[in-house]
């Protein structure tokens, strides 16, 4: 079983929690349902969870709700611990490179700060 947590900036912000708080209740409920699949299923279908190609090991949680596409980007910290670090509403066919860069920067920050402890 996997465990999901949200990345926290050095100042204490949680960008994914802020993104989820901005969603309508029905949309947030759908995202929460998909997150529970990622945590509970031994093999998660690719339609919900997959590694992004050409990235520094960034994974995406994929959610469809009422014609909208939501993505939560994150990374692994060990074999069972997924850290979600960026959330967005997907409006284009391909995920914009700047969104992936944001996730990669937060991943690097996470491990840099973790190494200092």
N, C-alpha and C. Protein backbone atom coordinates (compact mmCIF):
# COMPACT_ATOMS: atom_id res chain seq x y z
N UNK A 1 0.84 -1.18 0.00
CA UNK A 1 0.00 0.00 0.00
C UNK A 1 0.89 1.25 0.00
N UNK A 2 0.54 2.20 -0.83
CA UNK A 2 1.30 3.46 -0.92
C UNK A 2 0.75 4.47 0.07
N UNK A 3 1.59 5.43 0.38
CA UNK A 3 1.17 6.57 1.20
C UNK A 3 1.42 7.83 0.38
N UNK A 4 0.45 8.72 0.37
CA UNK A 4 0.56 9.99 -0.35
C UNK A 4 0.68 11.12 0.66
N UNK A 5 1.60 12.02 0.39
CA UNK A 5 1.69 13.24 1.20
C UNK A 5 1.84 14.42 0.24
N UNK A 6 1.68 15.62 0.77
CA UNK A 6 1.80 16.83 -0.02
C UNK A 6 3.11 17.53 0.31
N UNK A 7 3.80 17.93 -0.73
CA UNK A 7 5.02 18.72 -0.60
C UNK A 7 4.70 20.02 0.14
N UNK A 8 5.62 20.43 1.00
CA UNK A 8 5.48 21.69 1.74
C UNK A 8 6.69 22.56 1.42
N UNK A 9 6.44 23.81 1.05
CA UNK A 9 7.54 24.73 0.76
C UNK A 9 8.27 25.07 2.05
N UNK A 10 9.41 25.70 1.90
CA UNK A 10 10.18 26.10 3.07
C UNK A 10 9.38 27.06 3.96
N UNK A 11 8.50 27.85 3.34
CA UNK A 11 7.69 28.80 4.11
C UNK A 11 6.43 28.16 4.69
N UNK A 12 6.20 26.86 4.38
CA UNK A 12 5.06 26.16 4.97
C UNK A 12 3.84 26.02 4.07
N UNK A 13 3.88 26.56 2.86
CA UNK A 13 2.75 26.42 1.92
C UNK A 13 2.67 24.98 1.40
N UNK A 14 1.47 24.54 1.09
CA UNK A 14 1.25 23.25 0.47
C UNK A 14 0.51 23.48 -0.85
N UNK A 15 1.25 23.61 -1.97
CA UNK A 15 0.63 23.96 -3.25
C UNK A 15 -0.47 23.01 -3.70
N UNK A 16 -0.33 21.73 -3.44
CA UNK A 16 -1.36 20.78 -3.88
C UNK A 16 -2.63 20.96 -3.04
N UNK A 17 -2.46 21.15 -1.74
CA UNK A 17 -3.64 21.38 -0.89
C UNK A 17 -4.36 22.66 -1.32
N UNK A 18 -3.59 23.70 -1.65
CA UNK A 18 -4.19 24.96 -2.13
C UNK A 18 -4.95 24.72 -3.44
N UNK A 19 -4.37 23.92 -4.33
CA UNK A 19 -5.05 23.60 -5.59
C UNK A 19 -6.35 22.86 -5.31
N UNK A 20 -6.31 21.85 -4.44
CA UNK A 20 -7.52 21.08 -4.13
C UNK A 20 -8.58 21.96 -3.49
N UNK A 21 -8.15 22.89 -2.63
CA UNK A 21 -9.10 23.79 -1.98
C UNK A 21 -9.78 24.72 -2.98
N UNK A 22 -9.15 24.94 -4.15
CA UNK A 22 -9.73 25.83 -5.16
C UNK A 22 -10.79 25.14 -6.02
N UNK A 23 -10.88 23.81 -5.93
CA UNK A 23 -11.83 23.06 -6.74
C UNK A 23 -13.23 23.10 -6.13
N UNK A 24 -14.23 22.89 -6.99
CA UNK A 24 -15.60 22.74 -6.52
C UNK A 24 -15.69 21.42 -5.74
N UNK A 25 -16.63 21.30 -4.80
CA UNK A 25 -16.72 20.10 -3.97
C UNK A 25 -16.80 18.79 -4.78
N UNK A 26 -17.57 18.76 -5.84
CA UNK A 26 -17.71 17.53 -6.63
C UNK A 26 -16.39 17.17 -7.31
N UNK A 27 -15.67 18.18 -7.79
CA UNK A 27 -14.37 17.94 -8.43
C UNK A 27 -13.36 17.44 -7.39
N UNK A 28 -13.34 18.08 -6.24
CA UNK A 28 -12.42 17.67 -5.17
C UNK A 28 -12.73 16.24 -4.72
N UNK A 29 -13.99 15.88 -4.68
CA UNK A 29 -14.38 14.53 -4.28
C UNK A 29 -13.85 13.51 -5.29
N UNK A 30 -13.92 13.84 -6.57
CA UNK A 30 -13.41 12.93 -7.60
C UNK A 30 -11.88 12.77 -7.46
N UNK A 31 -11.19 13.88 -7.23
CA UNK A 31 -9.74 13.82 -7.05
C UNK A 31 -9.41 12.95 -5.84
N UNK A 32 -10.11 13.14 -4.76
CA UNK A 32 -9.88 12.35 -3.55
C UNK A 32 -10.10 10.86 -3.81
N UNK A 33 -11.12 10.54 -4.60
CA UNK A 33 -11.39 9.14 -4.95
C UNK A 33 -10.22 8.54 -5.72
N UNK A 34 -9.68 9.29 -6.70
CA UNK A 34 -8.54 8.79 -7.47
C UNK A 34 -7.31 8.65 -6.57
N UNK A 35 -7.09 9.59 -5.66
CA UNK A 35 -5.96 9.47 -4.73
C UNK A 35 -6.08 8.21 -3.88
N UNK A 36 -7.29 7.87 -3.48
CA UNK A 36 -7.48 6.65 -2.69
C UNK A 36 -7.14 5.41 -3.53
N UNK A 37 -7.45 5.43 -4.83
CA UNK A 37 -7.05 4.32 -5.71
C UNK A 37 -5.53 4.18 -5.75
N UNK A 38 -4.85 5.30 -5.88
CA UNK A 38 -3.39 5.29 -5.95
C UNK A 38 -2.81 4.72 -4.66
N UNK A 39 -3.41 5.05 -3.54
CA UNK A 39 -2.91 4.54 -2.26
C UNK A 39 -3.23 3.06 -2.06
N UNK A 40 -4.39 2.63 -2.50
CA UNK A 40 -4.88 1.31 -2.10
C UNK A 40 -4.63 0.20 -3.11
N UNK A 41 -4.63 0.49 -4.41
CA UNK A 41 -4.48 -0.57 -5.40
C UNK A 41 -3.01 -0.95 -5.57
N UNK A 42 -2.74 -2.24 -5.62
CA UNK A 42 -1.37 -2.70 -5.83
C UNK A 42 -0.90 -2.29 -7.22
N UNK A 43 -1.75 -2.46 -8.23
CA UNK A 43 -1.45 -2.02 -9.59
C UNK A 43 -2.50 -0.98 -9.98
N UNK A 44 -2.06 0.26 -10.13
CA UNK A 44 -2.98 1.36 -10.45
C UNK A 44 -3.06 1.47 -11.98
N UNK A 45 -4.27 1.50 -12.55
CA UNK A 45 -4.39 1.65 -14.00
C UNK A 45 -3.72 2.95 -14.47
N UNK A 46 -3.07 2.87 -15.64
CA UNK A 46 -2.36 4.02 -16.20
C UNK A 46 -3.27 5.22 -16.43
N UNK A 47 -4.55 5.00 -16.56
CA UNK A 47 -5.45 6.14 -16.76
C UNK A 47 -5.50 7.04 -15.52
N UNK A 48 -5.03 6.51 -14.37
CA UNK A 48 -5.04 7.27 -13.13
C UNK A 48 -3.66 7.67 -12.62
N UNK A 49 -2.63 6.90 -12.98
CA UNK A 49 -1.32 7.13 -12.38
C UNK A 49 -0.25 6.61 -13.32
N UNK A 50 0.64 7.52 -13.77
CA UNK A 50 1.70 7.07 -14.66
C UNK A 50 2.90 8.00 -14.60
N UNK A 51 4.05 7.46 -14.99
CA UNK A 51 5.28 8.25 -15.05
C UNK A 51 5.25 9.10 -16.31
N UNK A 52 5.66 10.35 -16.18
CA UNK A 52 5.76 11.23 -17.34
C UNK A 52 7.07 10.97 -18.05
N UNK A 53 7.01 10.80 -19.34
CA UNK A 53 8.21 10.56 -20.14
C UNK A 53 9.05 11.83 -20.19
N UNK A 54 10.34 11.64 -20.36
CA UNK A 54 11.30 12.75 -20.51
C UNK A 54 11.28 13.70 -19.32
N UNK A 55 11.14 13.15 -18.12
CA UNK A 55 11.18 13.97 -16.91
C UNK A 55 12.19 13.37 -15.94
N UNK A 56 12.47 14.12 -14.89
CA UNK A 56 13.33 13.63 -13.81
C UNK A 56 12.49 12.80 -12.83
N UNK A 57 11.91 11.71 -13.34
CA UNK A 57 11.12 10.77 -12.54
C UNK A 57 9.89 11.44 -11.90
N UNK A 58 9.18 12.23 -12.69
CA UNK A 58 7.94 12.86 -12.24
C UNK A 58 6.77 11.97 -12.67
N UNK A 59 5.85 11.77 -11.75
CA UNK A 59 4.65 10.97 -12.00
C UNK A 59 3.43 11.88 -11.96
N UNK A 60 2.36 11.44 -12.62
CA UNK A 60 1.13 12.24 -12.58
C UNK A 60 -0.05 11.39 -12.15
N UNK A 61 -0.87 12.00 -11.29
CA UNK A 61 -2.17 11.45 -10.95
C UNK A 61 -3.14 12.14 -11.91
N UNK A 62 -3.91 11.33 -12.63
CA UNK A 62 -4.77 11.83 -13.70
C UNK A 62 -6.24 11.71 -13.28
N UNK A 63 -6.96 12.82 -13.35
CA UNK A 63 -8.36 12.83 -12.92
C UNK A 63 -9.21 13.51 -13.99
N UNK A 64 -10.28 12.85 -14.38
CA UNK A 64 -11.28 13.42 -15.28
C UNK A 64 -12.54 13.65 -14.47
N UNK A 65 -13.14 14.83 -14.61
CA UNK A 65 -14.37 15.12 -13.88
C UNK A 65 -15.18 16.15 -14.65
N UNK A 66 -16.34 15.74 -15.12
CA UNK A 66 -17.25 16.67 -15.78
C UNK A 66 -16.63 17.40 -16.96
N UNK A 67 -15.87 16.72 -17.79
CA UNK A 67 -15.26 17.35 -18.94
C UNK A 67 -13.97 18.10 -18.65
N UNK A 68 -13.56 18.13 -17.40
CA UNK A 68 -12.30 18.78 -17.02
C UNK A 68 -11.25 17.72 -16.72
N UNK A 69 -10.00 18.07 -16.98
CA UNK A 69 -8.88 17.17 -16.68
C UNK A 69 -8.01 17.85 -15.64
N UNK A 70 -7.74 17.13 -14.56
CA UNK A 70 -6.88 17.63 -13.49
C UNK A 70 -5.66 16.74 -13.39
N UNK A 71 -4.54 17.35 -13.07
CA UNK A 71 -3.30 16.60 -12.90
C UNK A 71 -2.63 17.01 -11.60
N UNK A 72 -2.19 16.02 -10.86
CA UNK A 72 -1.37 16.24 -9.68
C UNK A 72 -0.03 15.60 -9.98
N UNK A 73 1.03 16.39 -9.92
CA UNK A 73 2.36 15.89 -10.25
C UNK A 73 3.13 15.62 -8.96
N UNK A 74 3.95 14.59 -9.01
CA UNK A 74 4.71 14.24 -7.82
C UNK A 74 5.85 13.31 -8.13
N UNK A 75 6.41 12.72 -7.09
CA UNK A 75 7.59 11.88 -7.20
C UNK A 75 7.60 10.89 -6.05
N UNK A 76 8.46 9.90 -6.17
CA UNK A 76 8.60 8.87 -5.14
C UNK A 76 9.70 9.26 -4.16
N UNK A 77 9.46 8.99 -2.89
CA UNK A 77 10.49 9.08 -1.86
C UNK A 77 10.50 7.71 -1.17
N UNK A 78 11.22 6.78 -1.77
CA UNK A 78 11.21 5.40 -1.30
C UNK A 78 10.20 4.59 -2.08
N UNK A 79 10.06 3.31 -1.75
CA UNK A 79 9.23 2.42 -2.56
C UNK A 79 7.71 2.60 -2.39
N UNK A 80 7.26 3.20 -1.31
CA UNK A 80 5.82 3.30 -1.06
C UNK A 80 5.32 4.70 -0.77
N UNK A 81 6.18 5.71 -0.85
CA UNK A 81 5.83 7.06 -0.41
C UNK A 81 5.81 8.00 -1.61
N UNK A 82 4.62 8.51 -1.97
CA UNK A 82 4.46 9.43 -3.10
C UNK A 82 4.26 10.84 -2.55
N UNK A 83 5.08 11.76 -3.03
CA UNK A 83 4.98 13.17 -2.61
C UNK A 83 4.39 13.96 -3.77
N UNK A 84 3.18 14.48 -3.58
CA UNK A 84 2.55 15.30 -4.61
C UNK A 84 2.96 16.74 -4.40
N UNK A 85 3.43 17.38 -5.49
CA UNK A 85 4.03 18.70 -5.32
C UNK A 85 3.42 19.79 -6.21
N UNK A 86 2.54 19.43 -7.15
CA UNK A 86 1.99 20.44 -8.05
C UNK A 86 0.64 19.97 -8.58
N UNK A 87 -0.33 20.86 -8.61
CA UNK A 87 -1.65 20.54 -9.14
C UNK A 87 -2.05 21.54 -10.20
N UNK A 88 -2.78 21.08 -11.22
CA UNK A 88 -3.21 21.98 -12.29
C UNK A 88 -4.43 21.43 -12.99
N UNK A 89 -5.14 22.34 -13.64
CA UNK A 89 -6.22 21.97 -14.54
C UNK A 89 -5.60 21.90 -15.93
N UNK A 90 -5.73 20.77 -16.56
CA UNK A 90 -5.09 20.56 -17.86
C UNK A 90 -6.00 21.11 -18.94
N UNK A 91 -5.48 22.05 -19.74
CA UNK A 91 -6.29 22.70 -20.77
C UNK A 91 -5.81 22.40 -22.18
N UNK A 92 -4.63 21.78 -22.30
CA UNK A 92 -4.08 21.48 -23.62
C UNK A 92 -3.84 19.98 -23.73
N UNK A 93 -3.62 19.52 -24.95
CA UNK A 93 -3.38 18.09 -25.17
C UNK A 93 -2.15 17.61 -24.41
N UNK A 94 -1.06 18.37 -24.53
CA UNK A 94 0.17 18.01 -23.83
C UNK A 94 0.32 18.85 -22.57
N UNK A 95 0.93 18.25 -21.58
CA UNK A 95 1.21 18.96 -20.34
C UNK A 95 2.29 20.01 -20.62
N UNK A 96 2.03 21.28 -20.32
CA UNK A 96 3.04 22.32 -20.59
C UNK A 96 4.35 22.04 -19.85
N UNK A 97 5.44 22.26 -20.53
CA UNK A 97 6.78 22.00 -19.97
C UNK A 97 7.01 22.79 -18.68
N UNK A 98 6.48 24.01 -18.60
CA UNK A 98 6.70 24.81 -17.38
C UNK A 98 6.06 24.16 -16.15
N UNK A 99 4.97 23.44 -16.35
CA UNK A 99 4.32 22.74 -15.23
C UNK A 99 5.22 21.59 -14.75
N UNK A 100 5.83 20.90 -15.68
CA UNK A 100 6.74 19.81 -15.34
C UNK A 100 7.97 20.37 -14.63
N UNK A 101 8.49 21.50 -15.13
CA UNK A 101 9.65 22.14 -14.49
C UNK A 101 9.34 22.52 -13.05
N UNK A 102 8.13 23.03 -12.81
CA UNK A 102 7.74 23.38 -11.43
C UNK A 102 7.82 22.15 -10.54
N UNK A 103 7.29 21.03 -11.01
CA UNK A 103 7.34 19.79 -10.22
C UNK A 103 8.78 19.34 -9.99
N UNK A 104 9.61 19.43 -11.02
CA UNK A 104 11.01 19.02 -10.88
C UNK A 104 11.76 19.92 -9.89
N UNK A 105 11.48 21.22 -9.93
CA UNK A 105 12.12 22.14 -8.99
C UNK A 105 11.70 21.83 -7.55
N UNK A 106 10.42 21.53 -7.36
CA UNK A 106 9.94 21.21 -6.02
C UNK A 106 10.50 19.88 -5.54
N UNK A 107 10.64 18.93 -6.44
CA UNK A 107 11.27 17.65 -6.08
C UNK A 107 12.70 17.89 -5.61
N UNK A 108 13.46 18.67 -6.36
CA UNK A 108 14.84 18.97 -5.99
C UNK A 108 14.91 19.69 -4.65
N UNK A 109 14.00 20.63 -4.43
CA UNK A 109 13.94 21.35 -3.15
C UNK A 109 13.63 20.39 -2.00
N UNK A 110 12.68 19.50 -2.21
CA UNK A 110 12.29 18.53 -1.19
C UNK A 110 13.49 17.70 -0.74
N UNK A 111 14.22 17.12 -1.71
CA UNK A 111 15.34 16.26 -1.35
C UNK A 111 16.52 17.06 -0.81
N UNK A 112 16.70 18.29 -1.28
CA UNK A 112 17.77 19.14 -0.75
C UNK A 112 17.51 19.42 0.73
N UNK A 113 16.27 19.82 1.05
CA UNK A 113 15.94 20.12 2.44
C UNK A 113 15.90 18.87 3.30
N UNK A 114 15.46 17.76 2.75
CA UNK A 114 15.42 16.50 3.49
C UNK A 114 16.83 16.07 3.87
N UNK A 115 17.80 16.31 2.98
CA UNK A 115 19.19 15.96 3.23
C UNK A 115 19.82 16.78 4.33
N UNK A 116 19.27 17.96 4.61
CA UNK A 116 19.82 18.83 5.67
C UNK A 116 19.38 18.40 7.04
N UNK A 117 18.34 17.59 7.14
CA UNK A 117 17.81 17.23 8.46
C UNK A 117 18.63 16.15 9.11
